[in-house]
Amino acid sequence: MIYNLDCEALRPLDEAENNLSGQSVDVQNESQESRTYSPQLMILYETGDINSALRILIDSLHDPFNATAVATVLIEEGIRQEFEQRVIAQMRTLTDAVSEHPAYMRMLQRLKELNVNTIVAEENEMVPPMASPVLVCDCTHDVLGLGVTDGPTGAITMHTFSSTMQAIEIYQRDTVPYVSSCIWNETLEGSYELVASINCKVFFINCNKVDLSPISRSLKADDTFVVVANGFHYETLRIYEQPKVIIFPIRHQIVNKPDEKKDDIGSTISFLEE
């Protein structure tokens, strides 16, 4: 269900009393112990594994205050309609821990003041209290009312891109301090440019939240390092003086562009080292 707010499917809620502050946010309730805010950026190309990407996004939509949830998703324009339809089909009623969270309530109040499109669950798929996950189209989190380090807003923002350069430009307008990115693209085309341009440390390509223990020593030492372990290619390197981690599955057959050689897959992405 896609709405231009005022949105009838989002139940009216009173404005919350307290403001989130600081760099730590609570994943369930502000009165409980906080965890470090480590938001993720998702980028899905037409050639990417939409099923895997959807599983991750749906989990984040229903648990937006998880410290490592997806905060923003960028979708290549050719699959946006399919993506929206499949997201709506999997949306269900939020738990009380999410729907009663002050940040979620503030976000709904803010949406009523904005002229933005939102994607929410179909009413017949929800049960009381009829609180839906929220995907906000073409909007950044700072517009939803929180600062750069104030934590999750309770919604996920979604943007459409037609090229890697446009995806980078959309990212550059954002204010969220992403800790990781997951990029879904069956070819390596565009992935290197994203790694070089996005200011976060960990890049999962065609995978997500893979165990980092095989590179733990190099991470601590801030070394350039490449290893294949447990079916994954791990690489640590510095790009423009920023430490980066790149991980992708070796078992996953990343398709070469016509001018690429098979021997290049799994080797060090050395051209990123300036």
Protein backbone atom coordinates (compact mmCIF):
# COMPACT_ATOMS: atom_id res chain seq x y z
CA MET A 1 0.00 0.00 0.00
CA ILE A 2 1.57 3.28 -1.11
CA TYR A 3 0.43 6.55 0.39
CA ASN A 4 1.05 10.23 0.11
CA LEU A 5 0.66 11.37 3.72
CA ASP A 6 -1.71 12.16 5.44
CA CYS A 7 -1.76 8.37 5.65
CA GLU A 8 -4.83 6.58 6.97
CA ALA A 9 -3.00 3.29 7.44
CA LEU A 10 -0.63 4.82 9.98
CA ARG A 11 -2.52 5.07 13.22
CA PRO A 12 -2.60 8.53 14.86
CA LEU A 13 -0.18 8.83 17.73
CA ASP A 14 0.63 11.55 20.24
CA GLU A 15 3.98 13.26 19.92
CA ALA A 16 6.61 11.61 22.11
CA GLU A 17 7.94 13.45 25.12
CA ASN A 18 11.65 12.78 24.93
CA ASN A 19 14.31 13.32 22.27
CA LEU A 20 16.95 10.78 21.33
CA SER A 21 20.43 12.11 21.90
CA GLY A 22 24.02 10.92 21.75
CA GLN A 23 25.66 8.30 19.57
CA SER A 24 24.08 5.26 21.22
CA VAL A 25 20.49 4.20 20.78
CA ASP A 26 18.40 1.54 22.42
CA VAL A 27 17.18 -1.18 20.07
CA GLN A 28 14.02 -1.85 22.07
CA ASN A 29 13.21 0.94 24.52
CA GLU A 30 15.01 4.10 25.52
CA SER A 31 14.92 3.14 29.19
CA GLN A 32 16.88 -0.05 28.63
CA GLU A 33 20.58 -0.53 28.04
CA SER A 34 21.78 1.13 24.79
CA ARG A 35 23.78 -0.36 21.99
CA THR A 36 26.03 1.39 19.51
CA TYR A 37 24.21 2.75 16.48
CA SER A 38 25.71 0.94 13.45
CA PRO A 39 23.31 1.56 10.54
CA GLN A 40 23.63 -0.15 7.19
CA LEU A 41 23.17 1.12 3.63
CA MET A 42 21.72 -1.35 1.11
CA ILE A 43 22.19 -0.96 -2.65
CA LEU A 44 20.30 -3.32 -4.96
CA TYR A 45 21.02 -3.52 -8.69
CA GLU A 46 18.71 -5.09 -11.27
CA THR A 47 21.13 -8.02 -11.54
CA GLY A 48 21.34 -8.45 -7.76
CA ASP A 49 19.82 -11.20 -5.63
CA ILE A 50 16.49 -9.55 -4.85
CA ASN A 51 15.38 -12.48 -2.66
CA SER A 52 18.36 -12.18 -0.31
CA ALA A 53 18.11 -8.40 -0.23
CA LEU A 54 14.40 -8.57 0.59
CA ARG A 55 14.97 -10.94 3.51
CA ILE A 56 17.42 -8.49 5.07
CA LEU A 57 15.22 -5.46 4.40
CA ILE A 58 12.06 -7.09 5.76
CA ASP A 59 13.89 -8.00 8.96
CA SER A 60 15.01 -4.38 9.32
CA LEU A 61 11.55 -2.99 8.57
CA HIS A 62 10.09 -5.05 11.40
CA ASP A 63 13.01 -4.39 13.76
CA PRO A 64 14.16 -0.87 12.82
CA PHE A 65 15.74 -0.20 16.22
CA ASN A 66 18.17 -3.08 15.91
CA ALA A 67 21.57 -1.42 16.11
CA THR A 68 22.69 -2.86 12.74
CA ALA A 69 19.43 -2.56 10.81
CA VAL A 70 19.27 -1.21 7.27
CA ALA A 71 18.55 2.53 7.46
CA THR A 72 18.44 3.34 3.73
CA VAL A 73 17.96 1.27 0.59
CA LEU A 74 18.84 2.33 -2.96
CA ILE A 75 17.01 0.43 -5.72
CA GLU A 76 17.88 0.41 -9.41
CA GLU A 77 14.89 1.84 -11.25
CA GLY A 78 14.16 -1.21 -13.40
CA ILE A 79 13.12 -3.31 -10.39
CA ARG A 80 11.50 -0.67 -8.18
CA GLN A 81 7.91 -1.64 -8.96
CA GLU A 82 8.55 -5.35 -8.35
CA PHE A 83 10.49 -4.52 -5.21
CA GLU A 84 7.69 -2.36 -3.78
CA GLN A 85 5.07 -5.02 -4.47
CA ARG A 86 7.12 -7.73 -2.79
CA VAL A 87 7.91 -5.54 0.23
CA ILE A 88 4.23 -4.73 0.78
CA ALA A 89 3.31 -8.42 0.52
CA GLN A 90 5.68 -9.26 3.39
CA MET A 91 4.84 -6.41 5.76
CA ARG A 92 3.12 -7.37 9.00
CA THR A 93 2.06 -5.64 12.22
CA LEU A 94 4.94 -4.30 14.31
CA THR A 95 5.57 -5.48 17.84
CA ASP A 96 4.65 -3.23 20.74
CA ALA A 97 8.36 -2.70 21.44
CA VAL A 98 8.66 -0.98 18.06
CA SER A 99 5.26 0.68 17.72
CA GLU A 100 5.49 2.23 21.20
CA HIS A 101 9.08 3.39 20.79
CA PRO A 102 9.27 7.20 21.17
CA ALA A 103 11.34 7.56 17.97
CA TYR A 104 8.76 5.60 15.94
CA MET A 105 5.97 7.79 17.31
CA ARG A 106 7.91 10.97 16.56
CA MET A 107 8.60 9.73 13.04
CA LEU A 108 4.87 9.17 12.39
CA GLN A 109 4.08 12.64 13.71
CA ARG A 110 6.74 14.13 11.44
CA LEU A 111 5.40 12.26 8.41
CA LYS A 112 2.01 13.87 8.89
CA GLU A 113 3.72 17.24 8.40
CA LEU A 114 5.57 16.23 5.23
CA ASN A 115 4.46 15.78 1.64
CA VAL A 116 6.19 12.44 1.04
CA ASN A 117 5.18 9.06 -0.31
CA THR A 118 5.30 6.13 2.07
CA ILE A 119 4.96 2.39 1.65
CA VAL A 120 3.12 0.60 4.44
CA ALA A 121 1.37 -2.73 5.03
CA GLU A 122 -2.04 -3.56 3.63
CA GLU A 123 -4.63 -3.11 6.36
CA ASN A 124 -5.98 -6.63 5.90
CA GLU A 125 -2.53 -8.03 6.71
CA MET A 126 -2.36 -6.32 10.10
CA VAL A 127 -3.91 -6.89 13.50
CA PRO A 128 -4.40 -4.36 16.31
CA PRO A 129 -2.75 -2.01 17.10
CA MET A 130 -2.42 -1.71 13.29
CA ALA A 131 1.13 -0.37 13.48
CA SER A 132 2.89 -0.81 10.15
CA PRO A 133 6.53 -0.85 9.10
CA VAL A 134 7.28 2.31 7.13
CA LEU A 135 9.35 2.76 4.00
CA VAL A 136 9.69 6.47 3.15
CA CYS A 137 10.35 7.30 -0.50
CA ASP A 138 12.88 9.88 -1.69
CA CYS A 139 13.48 11.35 1.75
CA THR A 140 16.49 11.47 4.07
CA HIS A 141 16.47 10.70 7.79
CA ASP A 142 17.42 14.23 8.80
CA VAL A 143 14.15 15.42 7.22
CA LEU A 144 12.32 12.92 9.42
CA GLY A 145 13.46 14.92 12.40
CA LEU A 146 16.66 13.43 13.84
CA GLY A 147 20.28 14.49 13.62
CA VAL A 148 23.21 12.62 12.19
CA THR A 149 24.02 10.57 15.30
CA ASP A 150 20.66 10.52 17.06
CA GLY A 151 19.86 6.95 16.09
CA PRO A 152 17.14 5.18 14.10
CA THR A 153 13.98 7.03 13.17
CA GLY A 154 11.85 3.87 13.06
CA ALA A 155 11.51 4.07 9.27
CA ILE A 156 13.70 3.04 6.35
CA THR A 157 14.21 5.48 3.51
CA MET A 158 14.21 4.35 -0.12
CA HIS A 159 15.64 5.98 -3.24
CA THR A 160 15.80 4.98 -6.90
CA PHE A 161 18.91 5.21 -9.07
CA SER A 162 19.59 4.66 -12.76
CA SER A 163 23.40 4.52 -12.63
CA THR A 164 26.17 3.98 -10.12
CA MET A 165 27.03 7.67 -10.27
CA GLN A 166 23.48 8.60 -9.39
CA ALA A 167 23.54 6.15 -6.48
CA ILE A 168 26.68 7.88 -5.21
CA GLU A 169 25.06 11.30 -5.57
CA ILE A 170 22.03 10.13 -3.55
CA TYR A 171 24.33 8.77 -0.86
CA GLN A 172 26.20 12.08 -0.69
CA ARG A 173 22.97 13.91 0.19
CA ASP A 174 22.43 11.60 3.15
CA THR A 175 23.48 12.29 6.72
CA VAL A 176 23.37 8.82 8.28
CA PRO A 177 26.77 7.63 9.62
CA TYR A 178 26.75 4.23 7.93
CA VAL A 179 29.03 1.60 9.42
CA SER A 180 28.46 -0.99 6.70
CA SER A 181 27.02 -1.33 3.21
CA CYS A 182 25.61 -4.40 1.50
CA ILE A 183 25.73 -4.25 -2.29
CA TRP A 184 23.73 -6.72 -4.38
CA ASN A 185 25.07 -6.91 -7.92
CA GLU A 186 25.81 -10.06 -9.92
CA THR A 187 28.64 -8.28 -11.70
CA LEU A 188 31.47 -6.34 -10.12
CA GLU A 189 30.64 -3.37 -12.33
CA GLY A 190 29.98 -0.31 -10.18
CA SER A 191 30.94 -1.99 -6.91
CA TYR A 192 34.48 -0.59 -6.88
CA GLU A 193 33.24 2.94 -7.43
CA LEU A 194 30.81 2.54 -4.52
CA VAL A 195 33.55 1.29 -2.21
CA ALA A 196 35.73 4.27 -3.08
CA SER A 197 32.92 6.83 -2.70
CA ILE A 198 30.93 5.69 0.33
CA ASN A 199 32.25 6.69 3.72
CA CYS A 200 31.82 3.51 5.71
CA LYS A 201 34.24 0.81 6.77
CA VAL A 202 32.71 -2.55 5.81
CA PHE A 203 31.35 -3.51 2.38
CA PHE A 204 29.49 -6.78 1.93
CA ILE A 205 29.07 -7.62 -1.77
CA ASN A 206 26.39 -10.26 -2.46
CA CYS A 207 26.38 -11.22 1.22
CA ASN A 208 25.74 -9.62 4.60
CA LYS A 209 27.02 -9.69 8.18
CA VAL A 210 29.72 -12.25 7.48
CA ASP A 211 32.02 -13.26 10.35
CA LEU A 212 35.02 -10.89 10.39
CA SER A 213 37.27 -13.07 12.55
CA PRO A 214 39.50 -14.17 9.60
CA ILE A 215 40.72 -10.55 9.31
CA SER A 216 40.58 -9.55 12.97
CA ARG A 217 44.35 -9.12 13.26
CA SER A 218 44.63 -6.97 10.15
CA LEU A 219 41.70 -4.86 11.32
CA LYS A 220 43.41 -4.15 14.62
CA ALA A 221 46.74 -3.45 12.90
CA ASP A 222 45.06 -1.45 10.12
CA ASP A 223 47.04 -3.48 7.58
CA THR A 224 46.41 -4.18 3.91
CA PHE A 225 45.53 -7.85 3.80
CA VAL A 226 43.79 -10.41 1.56
CA VAL A 227 42.60 -13.87 2.54
CA VAL A 228 40.08 -16.45 1.35
CA ALA A 229 38.36 -18.17 4.27
CA ASN A 230 35.12 -20.08 4.75
CA GLY A 231 34.17 -19.50 1.12
CA PHE A 232 34.62 -15.72 1.27
CA HIS A 233 37.13 -13.27 -0.13
CA TYR A 234 38.23 -10.85 2.61
CA GLU A 235 40.25 -7.74 1.95
CA THR A 236 41.40 -4.87 4.12
CA LEU A 237 42.92 -1.81 2.49
CA ARG A 238 43.09 1.96 2.66
CA ILE A 239 41.39 4.23 0.14
CA TYR A 240 42.11 7.95 0.40
CA GLU A 241 43.55 7.25 3.87
CA GLN A 242 40.33 5.57 5.02
CA PRO A 243 40.42 1.91 6.14
CA LYS A 244 38.00 -0.28 4.20
CA VAL A 245 36.93 -3.92 4.42
CA ILE A 246 35.57 -5.74 1.36
CA ILE A 247 33.92 -9.16 1.58
CA PHE A 248 32.26 -11.24 -1.10
CA PRO A 249 31.50 -14.95 -1.47
CA ILE A 250 33.79 -17.03 -3.65
CA ARG A 251 31.09 -19.67 -4.14
CA HIS A 252 28.82 -16.98 -5.55
CA GLN A 253 29.72 -16.80 -9.24
CA ILE A 254 30.13 -13.08 -9.81
CA VAL A 255 29.76 -12.60 -13.53
CA ASN A 256 32.64 -10.95 -15.36
CA LYS A 257 32.11 -8.13 -17.74
CA PRO A 258 33.14 -9.16 -21.28
CA ASP A 259 36.52 -7.47 -21.00
CA GLU A 260 37.38 -9.04 -17.61
CA LYS A 261 39.37 -12.23 -17.12
CA LYS A 262 38.26 -14.97 -14.74
CA ASP A 263 41.64 -14.81 -13.02
CA ASP A 264 40.76 -11.32 -11.79
CA ILE A 265 37.92 -12.57 -9.57
CA GLY A 266 39.07 -13.00 -5.99
CA SER A 267 42.29 -11.05 -6.46
CA THR A 268 43.19 -7.90 -4.60
CA ILE A 269 41.26 -4.83 -5.71
CA SER A 270 44.57 -3.11 -6.02
CA PHE A 271 43.47 -0.25 -8.28
CA LEU A 272 41.52 1.18 -5.37
CA GLU A 273 44.69 1.78 -3.45
CA GLU A 274 45.77 5.28 -4.28
